[in-house]
Amino acid sequence: MKGLNILNKYFCLLLGLLVICGCGRVQDVIRPEPSSPPLRVTMIYPSDCVGSAAYCDAFHIGVRGAEEELGITLTEVNGNEDDPVATEMLLRDAAQRSELVLTAGYQMGDVLARVAPEFPEVKFAIFDVVLDIPNVASVNYKSNEGSFLVGAIAGLKSESNKIGYIGGADVPLLHEFEAGYIAGIHAVNPDADVTVEYISEDATGFGQPEKAKELALSQYANGIDVIYVAAGGSGQGVLEAAQEQQKFIIWVDSNGNHLAPGIVLTSMAKEIPASVQRIIAETVEGNFMAGIRYFGLEDGAVSYAIDEHNQPLLSDDIIATVGSLNAQIISGEIVVPDTVSLPRE
């Protein structure tokens, strides 16, 4: 009984303290802080391209990773590159429903330039387009640098001294790939003959694998033994041609070495998923950065892929030479061109 009386005294003392301090304050201490609602993010692809093109798949991986790791509310929408008016409507709808809207591809540049100023409170990000708008993060890759290095690999590996390039659309963005690739080839093999072809004058060239295969088969038939393809979904056609002819292809945008070991010589990989997640994380943290940003070899944002799938194709001399060129680009000793002289010879 004596012990029980002591407990009663302590209980009364504690109750008195609660009354003195005020119940409201005690409740404030023990009440959990309300969590902020998840960031609403919309990813608008330039077309219905997820699953058919390494480029769009990389963005899909990035936003899905952010959804899992950062807890965002994600919506994914397919634009229509053949109908800019409809795509513009999709962008406006996304801006009314989201705090952050992401898109990618040169074909989305003009559309976003019209829509973003109408929604100054909404944050936008576009990849592979240079846009200087106060609420837009313009993320660009130094694809010419990565293309230079895979070009050097092609120039060192080619036995015929005939090397090819197939681009999806004959536009400035793809000229950066072309310019770096040719410069890399000629840095190690000045006598190499380079054939350049584009599938189309516009974005339709990213969805024509049959035409891409036709161009590739023609190049291989003319003695070309390495083709670099920068053509989105059309790249599958070049891959089929390479497999049929047992000649080399260089993949783009992501590491595709595993697609056909022994056939994919290397890949010019862009760290798109990491860049996408970086933009989303910055926005979640309240650190969204508008403006034009460039990422290249020095940032690890572009690279040439060497792994168990293609390493047997590359001699120690090739690996050492390309590693040296990589270091020279990062140091500034080599400045890689990003434009081509038109008309081509």
Protein backbone atom coordinates (compact mmCIF):
# COMPACT_ATOMS: atom_id res chain seq x y z
CA MET A 1 0.00 0.00 0.00
CA LYS A 2 2.85 2.32 0.81
CA GLY A 3 4.30 1.79 -2.69
CA LEU A 4 0.94 2.53 -4.25
CA ASN A 5 0.69 5.81 -2.32
CA ILE A 6 4.09 6.85 -3.65
CA LEU A 7 2.96 6.13 -7.23
CA ASN A 8 -0.18 8.20 -6.66
CA LYS A 9 1.95 11.11 -5.47
CA TYR A 10 4.13 10.95 -8.58
CA PHE A 11 1.05 10.76 -10.79
CA CYS A 12 -0.45 13.84 -9.18
CA LEU A 13 2.85 15.70 -9.54
CA LEU A 14 3.02 14.85 -13.24
CA LEU A 15 -0.59 15.90 -13.73
CA GLY A 16 0.15 19.20 -12.07
CA LEU A 17 3.09 19.84 -14.37
CA LEU A 18 0.92 19.16 -17.41
CA VAL A 19 -1.64 21.69 -16.18
CA ILE A 20 1.03 24.31 -15.48
CA CYS A 21 2.72 23.83 -18.86
CA GLY A 22 -0.57 23.88 -20.70
CA CYS A 23 -2.17 20.98 -22.51
CA GLY A 24 -1.95 22.74 -25.81
CA ARG A 25 1.83 22.91 -25.59
CA VAL A 26 2.14 19.25 -24.63
CA GLN A 27 -0.02 18.31 -27.61
CA ASP A 28 2.15 20.44 -29.86
CA VAL A 29 5.21 18.52 -28.71
CA ILE A 30 3.78 15.05 -29.24
CA ARG A 31 1.75 15.79 -32.39
CA PRO A 32 3.70 14.64 -35.50
CA GLU A 33 4.58 17.28 -38.05
CA PRO A 34 2.22 17.14 -41.05
CA SER A 35 4.07 15.81 -44.09
CA SER A 36 4.07 17.95 -47.22
CA PRO A 37 2.18 16.52 -50.20
CA PRO A 38 4.34 14.70 -52.75
CA LEU A 39 5.69 16.71 -55.68
CA ARG A 40 3.44 16.31 -58.70
CA VAL A 41 5.59 15.56 -61.76
CA THR A 42 4.57 14.99 -65.37
CA MET A 43 6.93 13.52 -67.98
CA ILE A 44 5.88 14.27 -71.56
CA TYR A 45 7.67 12.14 -74.15
CA PRO A 46 8.06 13.50 -77.69
CA SER A 47 6.07 10.52 -79.02
CA ASP A 48 4.87 7.05 -78.10
CA CYS A 49 8.49 5.95 -77.88
CA VAL A 50 8.97 4.18 -74.55
CA GLY A 51 9.92 0.59 -75.24
CA SER A 52 11.11 1.22 -78.78
CA ALA A 53 13.94 3.71 -78.38
CA ALA A 54 16.90 3.85 -76.03
CA TYR A 55 16.43 7.61 -75.73
CA CYS A 56 12.90 7.57 -74.33
CA ASP A 57 13.53 4.48 -72.25
CA ALA A 58 16.32 6.32 -70.43
CA PHE A 59 13.89 9.06 -69.34
CA HIS A 60 11.32 6.45 -68.34
CA ILE A 61 13.91 4.75 -66.12
CA GLY A 62 14.83 8.13 -64.60
CA VAL A 63 11.31 9.23 -63.66
CA ARG A 64 10.33 5.79 -62.38
CA GLY A 65 13.45 5.75 -60.23
CA ALA A 66 12.53 9.16 -58.82
CA GLU A 67 9.00 7.95 -58.13
CA GLU A 68 10.35 5.04 -56.11
CA GLU A 69 13.12 6.88 -54.28
CA LEU A 70 11.61 10.34 -53.78
CA GLY A 71 7.92 9.52 -53.45
CA ILE A 72 6.75 11.88 -56.18
CA THR A 73 3.34 11.62 -57.82
CA LEU A 74 4.21 10.75 -61.42
CA THR A 75 2.21 11.05 -64.63
CA GLU A 76 3.68 9.96 -67.98
CA VAL A 77 2.21 11.28 -71.23
CA ASN A 78 3.04 10.64 -74.88
CA GLY A 79 3.28 13.71 -77.09
CA ASN A 80 2.59 13.68 -80.81
CA GLU A 81 5.55 14.96 -82.77
CA ASP A 82 3.38 15.08 -85.91
CA ASP A 83 0.82 17.35 -84.21
CA PRO A 84 2.47 20.21 -82.29
CA VAL A 85 -0.91 21.79 -81.51
CA ALA A 86 -2.07 18.65 -79.69
CA THR A 87 1.28 18.41 -77.90
CA GLU A 88 0.97 22.05 -76.83
CA MET A 89 -2.42 21.25 -75.31
CA LEU A 90 -0.86 18.33 -73.41
CA LEU A 91 1.81 20.65 -72.01
CA ARG A 92 -0.78 23.18 -70.87
CA ASP A 93 -2.84 20.47 -69.22
CA ALA A 94 0.25 19.13 -67.44
CA ALA A 95 1.17 22.62 -66.24
CA GLN A 96 -2.27 22.96 -64.61
CA ARG A 97 -1.88 19.65 -62.77
CA SER A 98 1.82 19.54 -61.85
CA GLU A 99 4.52 21.49 -60.05
CA LEU A 100 7.24 20.12 -62.35
CA VAL A 101 6.87 19.22 -66.02
CA LEU A 102 9.66 17.37 -67.83
CA THR A 103 10.12 16.81 -71.56
CA ALA A 104 12.90 16.01 -73.99
CA GLY A 105 13.98 16.16 -77.61
CA TYR A 106 14.56 19.01 -80.03
CA GLN A 107 11.01 18.65 -81.41
CA MET A 108 9.63 19.76 -78.01
CA GLY A 109 11.65 22.99 -77.86
CA ASP A 110 9.36 25.36 -79.76
CA VAL A 111 6.28 23.99 -78.05
CA LEU A 112 7.70 24.47 -74.56
CA ALA A 113 8.95 27.95 -75.48
CA ARG A 114 5.33 28.95 -76.09
CA VAL A 115 3.82 27.27 -73.04
CA ALA A 116 6.32 27.84 -70.19
CA PRO A 117 5.95 31.67 -70.03
CA GLU A 118 2.19 31.22 -69.55
CA PHE A 119 2.78 29.35 -66.27
CA PRO A 120 5.49 31.26 -64.39
CA GLU A 121 4.76 29.43 -61.11
CA VAL A 122 5.29 26.01 -62.70
CA LYS A 123 8.78 24.57 -63.09
CA PHE A 124 9.78 22.97 -66.38
CA ALA A 125 12.80 20.99 -67.50
CA ILE A 126 13.75 20.06 -71.05
CA PHE A 127 16.62 17.86 -72.15
CA ASP A 128 18.75 18.27 -75.29
CA VAL A 129 17.32 21.72 -76.06
CA VAL A 130 18.81 25.12 -75.29
CA LEU A 131 16.07 27.34 -73.83
CA ASP A 132 16.70 30.46 -71.76
CA ILE A 133 13.39 30.97 -69.92
CA PRO A 134 13.17 31.93 -66.20
CA ASN A 135 11.18 28.85 -65.10
CA VAL A 136 12.89 26.28 -67.37
CA ALA A 137 15.90 24.09 -66.59
CA SER A 138 17.55 23.41 -69.95
CA VAL A 139 19.72 20.29 -69.57
CA ASN A 140 22.13 19.49 -72.38
CA TYR A 141 24.78 16.86 -72.92
CA LYS A 142 28.11 17.26 -74.67
CA SER A 143 27.27 14.41 -77.01
CA ASN A 144 30.04 15.50 -79.34
CA GLU A 145 32.59 14.54 -76.67
CA GLY A 146 31.26 11.03 -76.24
CA SER A 147 30.87 10.68 -79.99
CA PHE A 148 34.52 11.66 -80.47
CA LEU A 149 35.62 8.74 -78.31
CA VAL A 150 33.41 6.12 -79.97
CA GLY A 151 34.61 7.55 -83.29
CA ALA A 152 38.18 6.92 -82.19
CA ILE A 153 37.24 3.32 -81.35
CA ALA A 154 35.69 2.94 -84.80
CA GLY A 155 38.75 4.44 -86.49
CA LEU A 156 41.09 2.10 -84.65
CA LYS A 157 38.95 -1.01 -85.14
CA SER A 158 37.95 -0.64 -88.80
CA GLU A 159 39.77 -2.94 -91.18
CA SER A 160 38.31 -1.52 -94.38
CA ASN A 161 38.94 2.14 -93.47
CA LYS A 162 35.29 2.70 -94.43
CA ILE A 163 33.11 3.87 -91.56
CA GLY A 164 29.46 4.93 -91.43
CA TYR A 165 27.09 7.18 -89.52
CA ILE A 166 23.29 7.05 -89.67
CA GLY A 167 21.29 9.79 -87.95
CA GLY A 168 17.56 9.96 -87.38
CA ALA A 169 16.96 13.56 -88.42
CA ASP A 170 19.19 16.02 -90.27
CA VAL A 171 19.03 18.66 -87.52
CA PRO A 172 21.62 20.57 -85.43
CA LEU A 173 21.28 18.28 -82.40
CA LEU A 174 22.30 15.25 -84.45
CA HIS A 175 25.04 17.27 -86.19
CA GLU A 176 26.78 17.43 -82.79
CA PHE A 177 27.00 13.63 -82.76
CA GLU A 178 28.21 13.61 -86.36
CA ALA A 179 30.84 16.30 -85.83
CA GLY A 180 32.35 14.64 -82.77
CA TYR A 181 32.28 11.19 -84.35
CA ILE A 182 34.10 12.24 -87.51
CA ALA A 183 36.66 14.23 -85.52
CA GLY A 184 37.36 11.19 -83.35
CA ILE A 185 37.78 8.91 -86.36
CA HIS A 186 40.21 11.25 -88.08
CA ALA A 187 42.17 11.88 -84.86
CA VAL A 188 43.37 8.27 -84.97
CA ASN A 189 42.82 7.35 -88.63
CA PRO A 190 43.17 10.40 -90.91
CA ASP A 191 42.73 8.32 -94.07
CA ALA A 192 39.39 6.77 -93.09
CA ASP A 193 36.47 7.39 -95.45
CA VAL A 194 33.30 8.35 -93.53
CA THR A 195 29.80 8.04 -95.03
CA VAL A 196 27.06 10.14 -93.39
CA GLU A 197 23.36 9.53 -94.02
CA TYR A 198 20.17 10.73 -92.34
CA ILE A 199 16.90 8.86 -92.41
CA SER A 200 14.75 11.99 -92.65
CA GLU A 201 14.83 15.75 -92.54
CA ASP A 202 12.60 15.73 -89.46
CA ALA A 203 11.65 13.71 -86.37
CA THR A 204 9.86 11.03 -88.38
CA GLY A 205 13.31 9.53 -88.94
CA PHE A 206 13.37 8.30 -85.35
CA GLY A 207 10.55 5.84 -86.04
CA GLN A 208 11.56 4.25 -89.34
CA PRO A 209 13.57 1.12 -88.53
CA GLU A 210 12.89 -0.39 -91.95
CA LYS A 211 14.46 2.54 -93.77
CA ALA A 212 17.34 2.60 -91.30
CA LYS A 213 17.99 -1.09 -91.99
CA GLU A 214 17.96 -0.41 -95.73
CA LEU A 215 20.55 2.35 -95.35
CA ALA A 216 22.71 0.19 -93.10
CA LEU A 217 22.63 -2.81 -95.45
CA SER A 218 23.70 -0.53 -98.30
CA GLN A 219 26.59 0.87 -96.25
CA TYR A 220 27.76 -2.58 -95.22
CA ALA A 221 27.51 -3.77 -98.84
CA ASN A 222 29.81 -0.89 -99.85
CA GLY A 223 32.54 -2.10 -97.50
CA ILE A 224 31.73 -0.14 -94.37
CA ASP A 225 32.45 -2.29 -91.32
CA VAL A 226 31.39 0.03 -88.46
CA ILE A 227 28.22 2.16 -88.29
CA TYR A 228 27.37 4.62 -85.51
CA VAL A 229 23.61 5.06 -85.27
CA ALA A 230 21.92 8.01 -83.54
CA ALA A 231 18.32 7.47 -84.56
CA GLY A 232 16.10 6.55 -81.62
CA GLY A 233 13.75 3.67 -82.43
CA SER A 234 15.18 3.41 -85.94
CA GLY A 235 18.38 2.11 -84.41
CA GLN A 236 16.75 -1.31 -84.16
CA GLY A 237 16.85 -1.54 -87.95
CA VAL A 238 20.58 -0.86 -88.04
CA LEU A 239 21.10 -3.44 -85.29
CA GLU A 240 19.27 -6.05 -87.37
CA ALA A 241 21.43 -5.22 -90.39
CA ALA A 242 24.60 -5.49 -88.33
CA GLN A 243 23.58 -8.89 -87.00
CA GLU A 244 22.71 -10.17 -90.45
CA GLN A 245 26.00 -8.98 -91.95
CA GLN A 246 28.09 -9.77 -88.87
CA LYS A 247 29.56 -6.26 -88.89
CA PHE A 248 29.88 -3.68 -86.16
CA ILE A 249 27.40 -1.15 -84.84
CA ILE A 250 27.94 1.56 -82.22
CA TRP A 251 24.88 2.15 -80.02
CA VAL A 252 23.80 5.50 -78.58
CA ASP A 253 22.18 7.20 -75.56
CA SER A 254 22.44 4.14 -73.29
CA ASN A 255 24.75 1.17 -72.92
CA GLY A 256 23.54 -1.26 -75.58
CA ASN A 257 26.57 -3.55 -75.55
CA HIS A 258 24.42 -6.41 -74.28
CA LEU A 259 22.02 -6.19 -77.23
CA ALA A 260 24.35 -8.15 -79.50
CA PRO A 261 27.66 -9.12 -77.90
CA GLY A 262 30.37 -9.33 -80.54
CA ILE A 263 28.39 -7.02 -82.84
CA VAL A 264 27.93 -3.88 -80.71
CA LEU A 265 31.45 -2.47 -80.74
CA THR A 266 30.72 0.08 -78.00
CA SER A 267 28.04 2.55 -76.94
CA MET A 268 27.99 6.30 -76.49
CA ALA A 269 26.10 6.39 -73.21
CA LYS A 270 24.43 9.45 -71.73
CA GLU A 271 23.57 9.35 -68.03
CA ILE A 272 20.01 10.48 -68.66
CA PRO A 273 18.36 8.65 -65.73
CA ALA A 274 20.76 10.24 -63.24
CA SER A 275 20.21 13.70 -64.74
CA VAL A 276 16.44 13.30 -64.59
CA GLN A 277 16.56 12.21 -60.97
CA ARG A 278 18.91 15.10 -60.15
CA ILE A 279 16.43 17.68 -61.50
CA ILE A 280 13.52 16.09 -59.63
CA ALA A 281 15.50 15.80 -56.38
CA GLU A 282 16.55 19.45 -56.59
CA THR A 283 12.91 20.44 -57.02
CA VAL A 284 11.76 18.27 -54.10
CA GLU A 285 14.44 19.90 -51.92
CA GLY A 286 13.40 23.40 -53.01
CA ASN A 287 16.59 23.92 -55.01
CA PHE A 288 15.24 23.93 -58.58
CA MET A 289 17.77 25.63 -60.87
CA ALA A 290 16.46 27.28 -64.00
CA GLY A 291 18.87 28.10 -66.80
CA ILE A 292 21.03 26.36 -69.38
CA ARG A 293 23.23 23.54 -68.11
CA TYR A 294 25.76 21.36 -69.94
CA PHE A 295 27.08 17.99 -68.80
CA GLY A 296 29.94 16.15 -70.47
CA LEU A 297 32.83 13.77 -69.94
CA GLU A 298 34.13 15.69 -66.94
CA ASP A 299 30.79 15.27 -65.15
CA GLY A 300 30.48 11.61 -66.09
CA ALA A 301 27.33 12.51 -68.02
CA VAL A 302 28.58 11.05 -71.32
CA SER A 303 30.91 8.12 -71.78
CA TYR A 304 31.98 5.23 -73.98
CA ALA A 305 30.92 1.86 -72.66
CA ILE A 306 33.37 -0.98 -72.08
CA ASP A 307 32.12 -4.07 -70.27
CA GLU A 308 32.16 -7.85 -70.45
CA HIS A 309 30.00 -7.77 -73.60
CA ASN A 310 32.43 -5.84 -75.80
CA GLN A 311 35.81 -5.89 -74.08
CA PRO A 312 36.98 -8.94 -76.08
CA LEU A 313 36.58 -6.79 -79.23
CA LEU A 314 38.94 -4.08 -77.99
CA SER A 315 42.69 -4.53 -77.77
CA ASP A 316 44.71 -3.12 -74.91
CA ASP A 317 46.14 -0.55 -77.34
CA ILE A 318 42.65 0.65 -78.35
CA ILE A 319 41.56 0.95 -74.71
CA ALA A 320 44.73 2.82 -73.78
CA THR A 321 44.51 5.20 -76.74
CA VAL A 322 40.88 6.08 -76.10
CA GLY A 323 41.57 6.52 -72.39
CA SER A 324 44.30 9.01 -73.25
CA LEU A 325 41.98 10.91 -75.60
CA ASN A 326 39.34 11.00 -72.87
CA ALA A 327 41.83 12.61 -70.48
CA GLN A 328 42.92 15.14 -73.09
CA ILE A 329 39.32 16.24 -73.70
CA ILE A 330 38.68 16.67 -69.97
CA SER A 331 41.89 18.68 -69.55
CA GLY A 332 40.99 20.94 -72.49
CA GLU A 333 43.94 19.83 -74.59
CA ILE A 334 41.47 18.54 -77.20
CA VAL A 335 38.47 20.71 -78.06
CA VAL A 336 35.84 18.64 -79.83
CA PRO A 337 33.82 20.33 -82.60
CA ASP A 338 30.04 20.40 -82.26
CA THR A 339 29.05 21.63 -85.72
CA VAL A 340 29.51 20.33 -89.24
CA SER A 341 30.39 22.19 -92.41
CA LEU A 342 27.44 22.33 -94.77
CA PRO A 343 26.96 21.34 -97.46
CA ARG A 344 28.86 18.13 -96.86
CA GLU A 345 31.40 17.03 -99.40
